[in-house]
N, C-alpha and C. Protein backbone atom coordinates (compact mmCIF):
# COMPACT_ATOMS: atom_id res chain seq x y z
N MET A 1 3.35 20.25 -2.45
CA MET A 1 3.77 18.88 -2.69
C MET A 1 3.10 18.32 -3.93
N ASP A 2 1.92 18.77 -4.24
CA ASP A 2 1.19 18.21 -5.37
C ASP A 2 1.97 18.30 -6.67
N ASP A 3 2.73 19.37 -6.83
CA ASP A 3 3.50 19.53 -8.06
C ASP A 3 4.60 18.48 -8.20
N TYR A 4 5.16 18.08 -7.07
CA TYR A 4 6.31 17.18 -7.11
C TYR A 4 6.01 15.78 -6.60
N HIS A 5 4.79 15.53 -6.19
CA HIS A 5 4.46 14.24 -5.58
C HIS A 5 4.82 13.07 -6.50
N HIS A 6 4.51 13.19 -7.78
CA HIS A 6 4.81 12.08 -8.70
C HIS A 6 6.31 11.84 -8.84
N ILE A 7 7.09 12.90 -8.77
CA ILE A 7 8.55 12.76 -8.85
C ILE A 7 9.08 12.12 -7.57
N TRP A 8 8.61 12.61 -6.42
CA TRP A 8 9.06 12.08 -5.15
C TRP A 8 8.67 10.62 -4.98
N LEU A 9 7.50 10.27 -5.44
CA LEU A 9 7.06 8.88 -5.37
C LEU A 9 7.99 7.97 -6.18
N LYS A 10 8.34 8.42 -7.35
CA LYS A 10 9.26 7.67 -8.21
C LYS A 10 10.63 7.51 -7.53
N TRP A 11 11.10 8.61 -6.91
CA TRP A 11 12.39 8.54 -6.20
C TRP A 11 12.32 7.57 -5.04
N ALA A 12 11.24 7.62 -4.27
CA ALA A 12 11.10 6.73 -3.11
C ALA A 12 11.12 5.27 -3.56
N LYS A 13 10.41 4.96 -4.61
CA LYS A 13 10.39 3.59 -5.13
C LYS A 13 11.77 3.17 -5.61
N THR A 14 12.47 4.07 -6.28
CA THR A 14 13.80 3.77 -6.78
C THR A 14 14.78 3.54 -5.64
N LEU A 15 14.73 4.40 -4.61
CA LEU A 15 15.62 4.23 -3.47
C LEU A 15 15.39 2.88 -2.78
N HIS A 16 14.14 2.48 -2.66
CA HIS A 16 13.84 1.17 -2.06
C HIS A 16 14.31 0.03 -2.96
N ARG A 17 14.12 0.17 -4.23
CA ARG A 17 14.54 -0.88 -5.17
C ARG A 17 16.05 -1.07 -5.11
N TRP A 18 16.79 0.04 -4.98
CA TRP A 18 18.25 -0.03 -4.91
C TRP A 18 18.77 -0.42 -3.53
N GLY A 19 17.87 -0.43 -2.55
CA GLY A 19 18.27 -0.79 -1.20
C GLY A 19 18.99 0.30 -0.43
N VAL A 20 18.81 1.54 -0.84
CA VAL A 20 19.50 2.66 -0.18
C VAL A 20 18.51 3.65 0.43
N ALA A 21 17.28 3.25 0.61
CA ALA A 21 16.27 4.15 1.17
C ALA A 21 16.64 4.59 2.58
N HIS A 22 17.15 3.65 3.37
CA HIS A 22 17.53 3.96 4.75
C HIS A 22 18.64 5.01 4.76
N LEU A 23 19.63 4.84 3.91
CA LEU A 23 20.73 5.80 3.81
C LEU A 23 20.22 7.16 3.34
N GLY A 24 19.39 7.16 2.31
CA GLY A 24 18.82 8.41 1.81
C GLY A 24 18.00 9.13 2.85
N TYR A 25 17.24 8.38 3.62
CA TYR A 25 16.41 8.95 4.69
C TYR A 25 17.29 9.67 5.71
N HIS A 26 18.34 9.01 6.14
CA HIS A 26 19.21 9.60 7.16
C HIS A 26 20.02 10.77 6.63
N LEU A 27 20.48 10.68 5.41
CA LEU A 27 21.21 11.81 4.83
C LEU A 27 20.32 13.04 4.72
N LEU A 28 19.14 12.85 4.22
CA LEU A 28 18.22 13.97 4.03
C LEU A 28 17.78 14.57 5.37
N SER A 29 17.60 13.74 6.35
CA SER A 29 17.13 14.25 7.64
C SER A 29 18.25 14.82 8.50
N GLU A 30 19.50 14.44 8.26
CA GLU A 30 20.60 14.87 9.11
C GLU A 30 21.49 15.97 8.52
N LEU A 31 21.26 16.39 7.30
CA LEU A 31 22.13 17.40 6.70
C LEU A 31 21.96 18.79 7.31
N GLY A 32 20.83 19.05 7.90
CA GLY A 32 20.60 20.33 8.57
C GLY A 32 20.76 21.52 7.64
N GLY A 33 21.60 22.47 8.01
CA GLY A 33 21.80 23.69 7.24
C GLY A 33 22.45 23.46 5.88
N MET A 34 23.08 22.32 5.72
CA MET A 34 23.71 22.02 4.43
C MET A 34 22.68 21.84 3.32
N ASN A 35 21.44 21.56 3.71
CA ASN A 35 20.37 21.41 2.71
C ASN A 35 20.22 22.69 1.89
N LEU A 36 20.24 23.84 2.57
CA LEU A 36 20.09 25.12 1.86
C LEU A 36 21.27 25.40 0.95
N VAL A 37 22.46 25.11 1.42
CA VAL A 37 23.66 25.32 0.61
C VAL A 37 23.62 24.43 -0.62
N LEU A 38 23.24 23.20 -0.44
CA LEU A 38 23.14 22.26 -1.56
C LEU A 38 22.08 22.70 -2.56
N ALA A 39 20.95 23.20 -2.07
CA ALA A 39 19.89 23.70 -2.96
C ALA A 39 20.39 24.88 -3.79
N GLN A 40 21.13 25.79 -3.18
CA GLN A 40 21.65 26.94 -3.91
C GLN A 40 22.64 26.50 -4.99
N PHE A 41 23.45 25.51 -4.68
CA PHE A 41 24.39 24.97 -5.66
C PHE A 41 23.65 24.36 -6.85
N ILE A 42 22.56 23.66 -6.56
CA ILE A 42 21.76 23.05 -7.63
C ILE A 42 21.13 24.13 -8.49
N TYR A 43 20.67 25.22 -7.87
CA TYR A 43 20.11 26.33 -8.64
C TYR A 43 21.14 26.90 -9.60
N LEU A 44 22.40 26.93 -9.21
CA LEU A 44 23.46 27.41 -10.10
C LEU A 44 23.64 26.50 -11.30
N LEU A 45 23.45 25.21 -11.09
CA LEU A 45 23.61 24.23 -12.17
C LEU A 45 22.39 24.09 -13.06
N GLU A 46 21.25 24.57 -12.59
CA GLU A 46 19.98 24.35 -13.30
C GLU A 46 19.99 24.81 -14.76
N PRO A 47 20.60 25.94 -15.10
CA PRO A 47 20.60 26.34 -16.52
C PRO A 47 21.30 25.36 -17.46
N LEU A 48 22.13 24.50 -16.91
CA LEU A 48 22.82 23.52 -17.75
C LEU A 48 21.90 22.41 -18.24
N PHE A 49 20.76 22.26 -17.59
CA PHE A 49 19.81 21.20 -17.94
C PHE A 49 18.64 21.83 -18.67
N TYR A 50 18.59 21.62 -19.97
CA TYR A 50 17.57 22.27 -20.80
C TYR A 50 16.30 21.46 -20.93
N SER A 51 16.35 20.17 -20.67
CA SER A 51 15.17 19.35 -20.88
C SER A 51 14.16 19.57 -19.76
N GLN A 52 12.90 19.47 -20.09
CA GLN A 52 11.82 19.68 -19.12
C GLN A 52 11.86 18.67 -17.97
N PRO A 53 12.03 17.37 -18.25
CA PRO A 53 12.05 16.41 -17.12
C PRO A 53 13.20 16.67 -16.14
N ALA A 54 14.36 16.98 -16.66
CA ALA A 54 15.50 17.26 -15.77
C ALA A 54 15.26 18.53 -14.97
N GLY A 55 14.67 19.53 -15.58
CA GLY A 55 14.37 20.76 -14.87
C GLY A 55 13.36 20.54 -13.77
N GLN A 56 12.34 19.73 -14.02
CA GLN A 56 11.34 19.42 -13.00
C GLN A 56 11.96 18.63 -11.85
N ALA A 57 12.83 17.70 -12.16
CA ALA A 57 13.48 16.90 -11.13
C ALA A 57 14.37 17.78 -10.25
N LEU A 58 15.09 18.70 -10.87
CA LEU A 58 15.93 19.60 -10.09
C LEU A 58 15.09 20.52 -9.21
N SER A 59 13.99 21.00 -9.73
CA SER A 59 13.09 21.84 -8.93
C SER A 59 12.52 21.05 -7.76
N ALA A 60 12.17 19.80 -7.99
CA ALA A 60 11.65 18.95 -6.91
C ALA A 60 12.72 18.71 -5.85
N LEU A 61 13.95 18.52 -6.28
CA LEU A 61 15.05 18.31 -5.35
C LEU A 61 15.31 19.57 -4.53
N CYS A 62 15.30 20.71 -5.17
CA CYS A 62 15.50 21.98 -4.46
C CYS A 62 14.38 22.23 -3.46
N ALA A 63 13.16 21.89 -3.83
CA ALA A 63 12.04 22.05 -2.90
C ALA A 63 12.25 21.18 -1.67
N LEU A 64 12.76 19.98 -1.86
CA LEU A 64 13.05 19.09 -0.73
C LEU A 64 14.11 19.68 0.18
N LEU A 65 15.14 20.23 -0.44
CA LEU A 65 16.26 20.73 0.34
C LEU A 65 15.95 22.04 1.04
N GLU A 66 15.15 22.88 0.42
CA GLU A 66 14.88 24.21 0.97
C GLU A 66 13.79 24.24 2.03
N GLU A 67 12.74 23.52 1.82
CA GLU A 67 11.56 23.61 2.69
C GLU A 67 11.46 22.41 3.60
N GLU A 68 11.46 22.67 4.89
CA GLU A 68 11.36 21.57 5.85
C GLU A 68 10.05 20.81 5.71
N VAL A 69 8.99 21.54 5.38
CA VAL A 69 7.68 20.89 5.19
C VAL A 69 7.75 19.88 4.05
N HIS A 70 8.37 20.26 2.95
CA HIS A 70 8.49 19.35 1.81
C HIS A 70 9.40 18.17 2.16
N ARG A 71 10.48 18.47 2.88
CA ARG A 71 11.39 17.41 3.27
C ARG A 71 10.67 16.38 4.16
N GLU A 72 9.89 16.86 5.11
CA GLU A 72 9.14 15.95 5.98
C GLU A 72 8.11 15.15 5.19
N GLN A 73 7.49 15.78 4.20
CA GLN A 73 6.51 15.07 3.37
C GLN A 73 7.20 13.96 2.58
N PHE A 74 8.38 14.25 2.04
CA PHE A 74 9.10 13.23 1.28
C PHE A 74 9.57 12.11 2.20
N LEU A 75 10.06 12.45 3.38
CA LEU A 75 10.51 11.43 4.32
C LEU A 75 9.35 10.52 4.73
N THR A 76 8.17 11.12 4.91
CA THR A 76 6.98 10.33 5.21
C THR A 76 6.64 9.40 4.05
N LEU A 77 6.72 9.94 2.84
CA LEU A 77 6.47 9.14 1.65
C LEU A 77 7.47 7.99 1.54
N LEU A 78 8.71 8.29 1.87
CA LEU A 78 9.76 7.27 1.84
C LEU A 78 9.46 6.16 2.84
N LYS A 79 9.01 6.52 4.03
CA LYS A 79 8.64 5.53 5.04
C LYS A 79 7.44 4.70 4.58
N GLU A 80 6.45 5.37 4.00
CA GLU A 80 5.25 4.67 3.53
C GLU A 80 5.60 3.67 2.42
N GLN A 81 6.44 4.07 1.52
CA GLN A 81 6.83 3.17 0.44
C GLN A 81 7.59 1.98 0.99
N GLY A 82 8.34 2.19 2.05
CA GLY A 82 9.06 1.08 2.68
C GLY A 82 8.12 0.05 3.26
N SER A 83 7.04 0.51 3.87
CA SER A 83 6.10 -0.43 4.46
C SER A 83 5.31 -1.16 3.39
N VAL A 84 5.10 -0.50 2.25
CA VAL A 84 4.36 -1.14 1.16
C VAL A 84 5.25 -2.13 0.43
N VAL A 85 6.51 -1.72 0.19
CA VAL A 85 7.43 -2.55 -0.59
C VAL A 85 7.93 -3.74 0.23
N SER A 86 8.14 -3.57 1.52
CA SER A 86 8.75 -4.62 2.35
C SER A 86 7.88 -5.81 2.50
């Protein structure tokens, strides 16, 4: 998580600012096996993004989708940001 924590924190703040954190939380937690399929699709698209920031963001997204531990860590971060922002 340390590699992607700064990216996930930024995403959590953005989702709360846009008012869609609740929706994002439920989508991420309820997709189940589709998370892996979505991650593989993103890996196919990754070569199209040559910039370093976009590549890091895609890697962070794939980590969320592939690893349940990372997904739970992000969901926890999303909840924590909600309590801080609210």
